[in-house]
Amino acid sequence: MNEEADAAKMYLLCGQYAGYLAKLGIQARVPGGEEDGVYTAQPPPNCMALPHAAWMACTIPQMEPDSINKAMRWLGFAQGVLWCFGVFSIDDLRRHWTTGRVDG
């Protein structure tokens, strides 16, 4: 695949991950936002990981087009969080990238 096709698939998956997490009741939260002053003062508790991954999934499509490498790193991080918390298996995540679809 070429870089343009990979970028399109990445943006599609991010929207699907954000929607999936929203259906689970996980709201996207910007780390260190005004409503969360404690976040910047100490490491975030584990309960912040999924909302942070949701925020990343919502933010990635808004990145500048020349930030594709950064966006891909962010997607990998968000997928790692989804795996760590048992939202998706490694096989699920691999299938998402292969098919461009999040089934769930």
Protein backbone atom coordinates (compact mmCIF):
# COMPACT_ATOMS: atom_id res chain seq x y z
CA MET A 1 0.00 0.00 0.00
CA ASN A 2 1.06 3.54 -0.48
CA GLU A 3 1.31 6.23 2.15
CA GLU A 4 -1.89 7.97 1.02
CA ALA A 5 -3.92 4.75 1.29
CA ASP A 6 -2.41 4.01 4.71
CA ALA A 7 -3.33 7.51 5.90
CA ALA A 8 -6.91 7.11 4.69
CA LYS A 9 -7.22 3.76 6.47
CA MET A 10 -5.69 5.21 9.64
CA TYR A 11 -8.23 8.07 9.70
CA LEU A 12 -11.08 5.64 9.08
CA LEU A 13 -9.96 3.37 11.94
CA CYS A 14 -9.55 6.32 14.31
CA GLY A 15 -13.14 7.36 13.74
CA GLN A 16 -14.30 3.81 14.31
CA TYR A 17 -12.26 3.42 17.51
CA ALA A 18 -13.60 6.72 18.84
CA GLY A 19 -17.17 5.63 18.04
CA TYR A 20 -16.66 2.21 19.60
CA LEU A 21 -15.27 3.71 22.82
CA ALA A 22 -18.14 6.22 22.92
CA LYS A 23 -20.62 3.33 22.71
CA LEU A 24 -18.86 1.81 25.73
CA GLY A 25 -19.49 5.10 27.57
CA ILE A 26 -15.86 6.20 27.45
CA GLN A 27 -15.66 9.93 26.82
CA ALA A 28 -12.66 11.42 25.06
CA ARG A 29 -10.64 13.63 27.41
CA VAL A 30 -7.70 15.81 26.65
CA PRO A 31 -4.88 15.09 29.10
CA GLY A 32 -4.14 18.07 31.31
CA GLY A 33 -7.37 19.79 30.34
CA GLU A 34 -8.82 22.45 32.60
CA GLU A 35 -11.24 19.96 34.14
CA ASP A 36 -8.35 17.71 35.16
CA GLY A 37 -5.74 19.78 36.97
CA VAL A 38 -4.44 16.76 38.88
CA TYR A 39 -3.45 15.05 35.61
CA THR A 40 -0.51 17.35 34.98
CA ALA A 41 0.71 17.14 38.59
CA GLN A 42 1.11 13.35 38.78
CA PRO A 43 1.06 10.31 36.53
CA PRO A 44 -2.46 9.55 35.32
CA PRO A 45 -4.31 6.68 37.00
CA ASN A 46 -5.12 3.67 34.83
CA CYS A 47 -8.71 4.81 34.56
CA MET A 48 -7.49 7.69 32.37
CA ALA A 49 -5.94 5.44 29.71
CA LEU A 50 -9.10 4.62 27.75
CA PRO A 51 -10.45 8.19 27.73
CA HIS A 52 -7.00 9.33 26.60
CA ALA A 53 -6.98 6.74 23.79
CA ALA A 54 -10.44 7.97 22.76
CA TRP A 55 -9.16 11.56 22.70
CA MET A 56 -6.20 10.49 20.57
CA ALA A 57 -8.49 8.69 18.12
CA CYS A 58 -10.60 11.85 17.83
CA THR A 59 -7.54 14.10 17.45
CA ILE A 60 -5.54 12.12 14.88
CA PRO A 61 -7.81 13.01 11.92
CA GLN A 62 -7.37 16.70 12.77
CA MET A 63 -3.56 16.59 12.51
CA GLU A 64 -1.77 18.36 9.69
CA PRO A 65 -1.32 16.15 6.60
CA ASP A 66 2.47 16.30 6.94
CA SER A 67 2.18 14.75 10.44
CA ILE A 68 1.42 11.25 9.13
CA ASN A 69 4.34 9.65 11.00
CA LYS A 70 3.21 11.22 14.27
CA ALA A 71 -0.37 10.17 13.58
CA MET A 72 0.72 6.57 12.95
CA ARG A 73 2.65 6.54 16.26
CA TRP A 74 -0.43 7.86 18.04
CA LEU A 75 -2.61 5.18 16.44
CA GLY A 76 -0.15 2.51 17.60
CA PHE A 77 -0.22 3.89 21.14
CA ALA A 78 -4.03 4.01 21.18
CA GLN A 79 -4.19 0.44 19.86
CA GLY A 80 -1.76 -0.63 22.59
CA VAL A 81 -4.08 0.85 25.23
CA LEU A 82 -7.08 -0.90 23.64
CA TRP A 83 -5.17 -4.18 23.81
CA CYS A 84 -3.93 -3.65 27.39
CA PHE A 85 -7.44 -3.04 28.66
CA GLY A 86 -8.85 -6.04 26.79
CA VAL A 87 -11.04 -4.00 24.45
CA PHE A 88 -9.52 -5.78 21.44
CA SER A 89 -7.09 -8.67 20.97
CA ILE A 90 -3.92 -8.45 18.89
CA ASP A 91 -5.68 -10.50 16.20
CA ASP A 92 -8.59 -8.02 16.27
CA LEU A 93 -6.22 -5.07 15.87
CA ARG A 94 -4.38 -6.79 13.02
CA ARG A 95 -7.71 -7.53 11.31
CA HIS A 96 -8.78 -3.88 11.75
CA TRP A 97 -5.71 -2.71 9.86
CA THR A 98 -6.09 -5.37 7.17
CA THR A 99 -9.78 -4.74 6.54
CA GLY A 100 -10.02 -1.07 7.52
CA ARG A 101 -13.01 -1.93 9.71
CA VAL A 102 -13.62 -2.17 13.44
CA ASP A 103 -16.27 -4.77 14.09
CA GLY A 104 -17.78 -4.60 17.49
